[in-house]
Protein backbone atom coordinates (compact mmCIF):
# COMPACT_ATOMS: atom_id res chain seq x y z
CA MET A 1 101.32 131.62 187.75
CA ILE A 2 98.22 129.98 186.35
CA GLU A 3 97.37 133.15 184.47
CA ALA A 4 100.79 133.16 182.88
CA ILE A 5 100.44 129.57 181.73
CA VAL A 6 97.01 130.32 180.31
CA ALA A 7 98.39 133.35 178.50
CA LEU A 8 101.23 131.29 177.07
CA ILE A 9 98.83 128.64 175.87
CA GLY A 10 96.68 131.30 174.28
CA VAL A 11 99.67 132.78 172.43
CA LEU A 12 100.75 129.37 171.14
CA THR A 13 97.21 128.61 170.01
CA LEU A 14 97.05 131.92 168.23
CA LEU A 15 100.33 131.25 166.48
CA ILE A 16 99.18 127.82 165.38
CA VAL A 17 95.90 129.23 164.07
CA VAL A 18 97.72 131.95 162.18
CA ALA A 19 100.18 129.42 160.74
CA ARG A 20 97.33 127.24 159.51
CA THR A 21 95.36 130.16 158.22
CA VAL A 22 98.05 132.07 156.30
CA ARG A 23 100.00 130.15 153.61
CA ILE A 24 102.50 131.28 151.02
CA VAL A 25 102.56 129.36 147.72
CA PRO A 26 105.91 129.57 145.83
CA GLN A 27 106.14 130.33 142.13
CA ALA A 28 105.59 127.36 139.74
CA ARG A 29 103.79 125.49 142.49
CA ALA A 30 100.12 124.63 142.93
CA GLY A 31 98.28 123.41 146.04
CA VAL A 32 95.05 121.45 146.21
CA VAL A 33 92.78 122.58 149.07
CA GLU A 34 90.21 120.22 150.55
CA ARG A 35 87.42 121.54 152.73
CA LEU A 36 85.98 118.93 155.03
CA GLY A 37 87.56 116.21 152.87
CA ARG A 38 86.25 117.46 149.53
CA TYR A 39 88.06 119.40 146.80
CA SER A 40 87.66 123.11 147.34
CA ARG A 41 90.08 124.98 145.12
CA THR A 42 93.61 125.07 143.71
CA LEU A 43 96.02 127.53 145.29
CA THR A 44 98.02 129.80 143.01
CA PRO A 45 101.44 131.37 143.82
CA GLY A 46 101.28 134.08 146.47
CA LEU A 47 99.69 134.67 149.90
CA VAL A 48 96.47 132.73 150.60
CA ILE A 49 94.11 132.52 153.58
CA LEU A 50 92.70 129.21 154.76
CA VAL A 51 89.97 128.44 157.23
CA PRO A 52 91.57 126.72 160.22
CA VAL A 53 90.50 123.15 160.89
CA VAL A 54 88.05 123.25 157.96
CA ASP A 55 90.51 123.70 155.05
CA ARG A 56 93.47 121.41 154.43
CA VAL A 57 96.15 121.58 151.76
CA ARG A 58 96.44 118.15 150.19
CA GLN A 59 99.91 118.58 148.63
CA MET A 60 102.08 120.99 146.70
CA ILE A 61 102.62 120.01 143.07
CA ASP A 62 105.56 121.21 140.96
CA LEU A 63 104.33 122.70 137.69
CA ARG A 64 107.78 122.84 136.04
CA GLU A 65 108.89 120.38 133.34
CA GLN A 66 110.22 117.22 134.89
CA VAL A 67 112.67 114.64 133.60
CA VAL A 68 112.50 111.02 134.63
CA SER A 69 114.72 108.16 133.45
CA PHE A 70 113.50 104.59 133.63
CA GLU A 71 115.50 101.43 134.11
CA PRO A 72 116.44 99.35 131.02
CA GLN A 73 113.57 97.17 129.89
CA PRO A 74 113.84 93.96 127.80
CA VAL A 75 112.00 94.26 124.47
CA ILE A 76 111.63 91.58 121.79
CA THR A 77 111.90 92.63 118.15
CA GLU A 78 110.09 91.18 115.18
CA ASP A 79 113.05 88.91 114.39
CA ASN A 80 113.01 87.49 117.95
CA LEU A 81 115.98 89.38 119.36
CA VAL A 82 115.92 90.69 122.92
CA LEU A 83 116.97 94.32 123.25
CA SER A 84 117.59 96.30 126.40
CA ILE A 85 116.21 99.85 125.99
CA ASP A 86 116.54 102.85 128.32
CA THR A 87 114.03 105.66 128.00
CA VAL A 88 113.88 109.25 129.20
CA ILE A 89 110.56 111.10 129.59
CA TYR A 90 110.08 114.89 129.70
CA TYR A 91 106.68 115.72 131.17
CA GLN A 92 104.87 118.62 132.84
CA VAL A 93 101.82 118.80 135.15
CA THR A 94 99.24 121.09 133.64
CA ASP A 95 96.29 120.39 135.98
CA ALA A 96 97.04 119.91 139.68
CA ARG A 97 93.52 118.66 140.46
CA SER A 98 93.60 115.91 137.80
CA ALA A 99 97.12 114.89 138.74
CA THR A 100 95.94 114.53 142.36
CA TYR A 101 92.59 112.80 141.92
CA GLU A 102 92.71 111.05 138.50
CA ILE A 103 95.79 108.92 139.17
CA ALA A 104 97.33 107.68 142.40
CA ASN A 105 100.99 107.72 141.22
CA TYR A 106 101.45 109.29 137.82
CA ILE A 107 105.22 108.60 137.73
CA GLN A 108 104.71 104.87 138.04
CA ALA A 109 101.81 105.03 135.59
CA ILE A 110 103.95 106.83 133.00
CA GLU A 111 106.73 104.26 133.42
CA GLN A 112 104.43 101.27 132.89
CA LEU A 113 102.70 102.94 129.99
CA THR A 114 106.07 103.69 128.39
CA VAL A 115 107.22 100.08 128.71
CA THR A 116 103.97 98.74 127.25
CA THR A 117 103.95 101.15 124.33
CA LEU A 118 107.63 100.53 123.65
CA ARG A 119 107.11 96.79 123.46
CA ASN A 120 104.20 97.23 121.08
CA VAL A 121 106.20 99.51 118.79
CA ILE A 122 109.45 97.53 118.82
CA GLY A 123 107.60 94.22 118.42
CA GLY A 124 106.64 95.20 114.87
CA MET A 125 110.17 96.23 113.83
CA SER A 126 113.35 94.34 113.03
CA LEU A 127 116.69 94.98 114.71
CA GLU A 128 118.00 97.06 111.83
CA GLN A 129 114.84 99.16 111.72
CA THR A 130 115.01 99.67 115.47
CA LEU A 131 118.60 100.89 115.34
CA THR A 132 117.95 103.25 112.43
CA SER A 133 114.47 104.57 113.37
CA ARG A 134 114.97 106.23 116.75
CA ASP A 135 113.24 109.45 115.73
CA GLY A 136 110.19 107.56 114.51
CA ILE A 137 110.01 105.51 117.71
CA ASN A 138 110.37 108.64 119.84
CA ASP A 139 107.55 110.42 118.02
CA GLU A 140 105.24 107.41 118.22
CA LEU A 141 105.89 106.98 121.94
CA ARG A 142 105.29 110.66 122.61
CA VAL A 143 101.94 110.65 120.78
CA VAL A 144 100.69 107.58 122.64
CA LEU A 145 101.87 108.79 126.06
CA ASP A 146 100.55 112.31 125.58
CA GLU A 147 97.15 111.00 124.61
CA ALA A 148 96.99 108.61 127.59
CA THR A 149 98.28 111.09 130.18
CA GLY A 150 96.14 114.02 129.03
CA LYS A 151 93.26 113.03 131.29
CA TRP A 152 95.69 112.90 134.22
CA GLY A 153 96.54 116.57 133.79
CA ILE A 154 100.01 115.71 132.45
CA ARG A 155 101.57 116.69 129.13
CA VAL A 156 104.43 114.57 127.73
CA ASN A 157 106.75 116.88 125.82
CA ARG A 158 109.49 114.52 124.70
CA VAL A 159 110.41 110.85 124.76
CA GLU A 160 114.00 109.79 124.08
CA LEU A 161 115.56 106.35 123.70
CA LYS A 162 118.73 106.73 125.72
CA ALA A 163 120.30 103.39 124.79
CA ILE A 164 119.50 100.33 122.68
CA ASP A 165 121.66 97.37 123.66
CA PRO A 166 121.37 94.18 121.57
CA PRO A 167 122.70 90.84 122.86
CA ARG A 168 126.47 90.38 123.12
CA THR A 169 126.62 87.91 120.23
CA ILE A 170 124.70 90.30 118.01
CA GLN A 171 127.04 93.14 118.98
CA GLU A 172 130.08 91.05 118.03
CA ALA A 173 128.49 90.14 114.69
CA MET A 174 127.65 93.78 114.03
CA GLU A 175 131.19 94.83 114.88
CA LYS A 176 132.59 92.24 112.46
CA GLN A 177 130.20 93.43 109.76
CA MET A 178 131.13 97.07 110.32
CA ARG A 179 134.83 96.18 110.30
CA ALA A 180 134.38 94.29 107.03
CA ASP A 181 132.48 97.24 105.54
CA ARG A 182 135.22 99.63 106.62
CA ASP A 183 137.91 97.35 105.16
CA LYS A 184 135.93 97.14 101.93
CA ARG A 185 135.55 100.91 101.72
CA ALA A 186 139.25 101.33 102.51
CA ALA A 187 140.20 98.88 99.74
CA ILE A 188 137.90 100.65 97.28
CA LEU A 189 139.33 104.04 98.21
CA THR A 190 142.89 102.69 97.92
CA ALA A 191 142.14 101.23 94.49
CA GLU A 192 140.55 104.49 93.39
CA GLY A 193 143.59 106.37 94.64
CA VAL A 194 145.98 104.07 92.76
CA LYS A 195 143.83 104.38 89.64
CA GLN A 196 143.79 108.15 89.81
CA SER A 197 147.52 108.19 90.51
CA GLN A 198 148.23 106.01 87.47
CA ILE A 199 145.94 108.13 85.32
CA LEU A 200 147.64 111.32 86.45
CA THR A 201 151.08 109.76 85.96
CA ALA A 202 150.19 108.57 82.44
CA GLU A 203 148.71 111.97 81.63
CA GLY A 204 151.84 113.67 82.94
CA GLU A 205 154.09 111.38 80.89
CA ARG A 206 151.93 111.99 77.82
CA GLN A 207 152.11 115.74 78.26
CA SER A 208 155.85 115.49 78.91
CA THR A 209 156.37 113.41 75.74
CA ILE A 210 154.30 115.84 73.70
CA LEU A 211 156.22 118.79 75.07
CA ARG A 212 159.57 117.08 74.43
CA ALA A 213 158.51 116.21 70.88
CA GLN A 214 157.36 119.76 70.28
CA GLY A 215 160.60 121.09 71.71
CA GLU A 216 162.67 118.70 69.58
CA ARG A 217 160.69 119.63 66.49
CA GLU A 218 161.13 123.32 67.13
CA SER A 219 164.83 122.76 67.85
CA GLN A 220 165.28 120.85 64.58
CA MET A 221 163.35 123.51 62.72
CA LEU A 222 165.53 126.22 64.21
CA ARG A 223 168.71 124.26 63.43
CA ALA A 224 167.50 123.64 59.88
CA GLU A 225 166.63 127.30 59.49
CA GLY A 226 170.05 128.26 60.87
CA GLN A 227 171.83 125.84 58.50
CA ALA A 228 169.77 127.04 55.58
CA LYS A 229 170.55 130.63 56.47
CA ALA A 230 174.27 129.81 56.80
CA ILE A 231 174.30 127.97 53.47
CA GLU A 232 172.43 130.81 51.84
CA THR A 233 174.91 133.31 53.29
CA VAL A 234 177.92 131.26 52.15
CA PHE A 235 176.35 130.69 48.75
CA THR A 236 175.62 134.37 48.35
CA ALA A 237 179.12 135.32 49.45
CA ILE A 238 180.71 132.82 47.07
CA HIS A 239 178.66 133.93 44.08
CA ASP A 240 179.15 137.58 44.93
CA ASN A 241 182.96 137.11 44.97
CA ASP A 242 182.91 134.94 41.81
CA PRO A 243 185.67 132.46 42.89
CA ASP A 244 187.86 130.84 40.25
CA PRO A 245 188.89 127.15 40.15
CA LYS A 246 192.19 127.92 41.77
CA LEU A 247 190.55 129.20 44.93
CA LEU A 248 188.23 126.18 45.09
CA ALA A 249 191.17 123.84 44.68
CA TYR A 250 192.97 125.61 47.49
CA GLN A 251 189.93 125.24 49.76
CA TYR A 252 189.78 121.52 48.95
CA LEU A 253 193.39 121.17 49.94
CA GLN A 254 192.74 123.01 53.20
CA MET A 255 189.96 120.53 54.07
CA LEU A 256 191.93 117.37 53.31
CA PRO A 257 193.79 117.32 56.71
CA GLN A 258 190.48 117.58 58.55
CA ILE A 259 189.06 114.70 56.52
CA ALA A 260 192.13 112.61 57.25
CA ALA A 261 191.91 113.35 61.00
CA GLY A 262 188.73 111.22 61.37
CA GLU A 263 189.03 107.84 63.11
CA GLY A 264 187.39 105.89 60.29
CA SER A 265 189.11 107.70 57.42
CA THR A 266 190.62 104.68 55.69
CA MET A 267 189.43 105.50 52.18
CA TRP A 268 188.95 108.94 50.64
CA MET A 269 186.46 109.79 47.97
CA ILE A 270 187.96 112.61 45.86
CA PRO A 271 185.42 114.23 43.57
CA SER A 272 186.21 114.84 39.93
CA GLU A 273 185.82 118.55 40.44
CA LEU A 274 188.83 118.42 42.76
CA THR A 275 191.06 116.82 40.18
CA GLN A 276 189.96 119.28 37.56
CA ALA A 277 190.53 122.16 39.92
CA MET A 278 193.96 120.82 40.88
CA GLY A 279 194.85 120.46 37.21
CA ALA A 280 193.78 124.01 36.57
CA MET A 281 195.74 125.20 39.59
CA ALA A 282 198.82 123.24 38.48
CA SER A 283 198.61 124.70 34.99
CA GLY A 284 198.33 128.10 36.57
CA PHE A 285 201.50 127.61 38.61
CA LYS A 286 203.53 125.96 35.65
CA ALA A 287 206.30 128.12 33.99
CA PRO A 288 205.77 129.03 30.34
CA ALA A 289 207.60 126.79 27.77
CA PRO A 290 210.65 128.26 25.82
CA ALA A 291 210.12 129.30 22.26
CA PRO A 292 211.09 126.59 19.64
CA GLU A 293 214.33 126.94 17.74
CA PRO A 294 214.14 127.47 13.99
CA ALA A 295 214.45 124.27 11.98
CA GLU A 296 217.60 123.57 10.11
CA HIS A 297 217.27 122.76 6.45
CA VAL A 298 219.51 119.88 5.37
CA ALA A 299 219.65 118.82 1.90
CA PRO A 300 218.42 115.30 1.75
CA PRO A 301 219.77 112.86 -0.61
CA ASN A 302 218.34 112.69 -4.02
CA GLY A 303 217.82 116.48 -3.79
CA ALA A 304 214.63 116.36 -1.62
CA VAL A 305 213.95 118.94 1.10
CA ARG A 306 212.58 117.62 4.65
CA ALA A 307 211.29 119.89 7.42
CA THR A 308 211.69 118.84 11.02
CA SER A 309 208.81 119.24 13.44
CA PRO A 310 209.36 121.08 16.72
CA ALA A 311 210.23 119.08 19.79
CA PRO A 312 207.30 118.23 22.12
CA GLU A 313 206.88 120.14 25.32
CA ARG A 314 208.18 118.62 28.53
């Protein structure tokens, strides 16, 4: 029974020794080994052998890039306004030994250093510059933090300002200003739109008037050409047929009913040519006069002879 207990104790001791001797380091991790309280070496990923009781692993450090967000910090600007700023830090441990022995708590150190640097940078800027210069502030913070944390075995890759919150009164004033600017831009755009609309409308009316005038001119030209052609045709036909006054008088008589049919035909103007033509036509239609009878010779008294003249035509 005693031998069994001793054997069990021996097996447990062996297991403990093996567990403290053989260690497996995961990928992207690093372990600091102290031998008799002093730094011995840094463990790399893989299987490692330690000396029991003599060697001790201080801690495992994550070598991947880390992200840490800090609480909002009050910062005073150059124009004496208090801003609440949130920051986000992207860092990575590059030297496990320095991160273990050069600084007790590098997370807290980075936070305090970020707050201090941020106050120094924002203190020399106005509110408007702070709101419009985030990239510049981020770059300046990253340079300062990377330089300060380099001796700690830490590299700061990025610094981002997550939020910049001015006081409530300042926010309301900024909202009113932005609303006024938007209303101003809207009014300007509306006025520009009305102006362009009026210009386009006037241009359209101008083009329409020009086109109508051109169309009217061409229409009048065509009508004039048509009338001239008709007159020329009638004139040619009349002269080719050589009309006599009788025909012209007949045409005048044919047109008189049309002239009389007008509403304002209260007085007629009859040209002299019409009367002449009507006279010629009347003479053309008149019957020829009978031949005159021979004159009778009567002996006048005192023996004189008198000839009678023919009777006038009726």
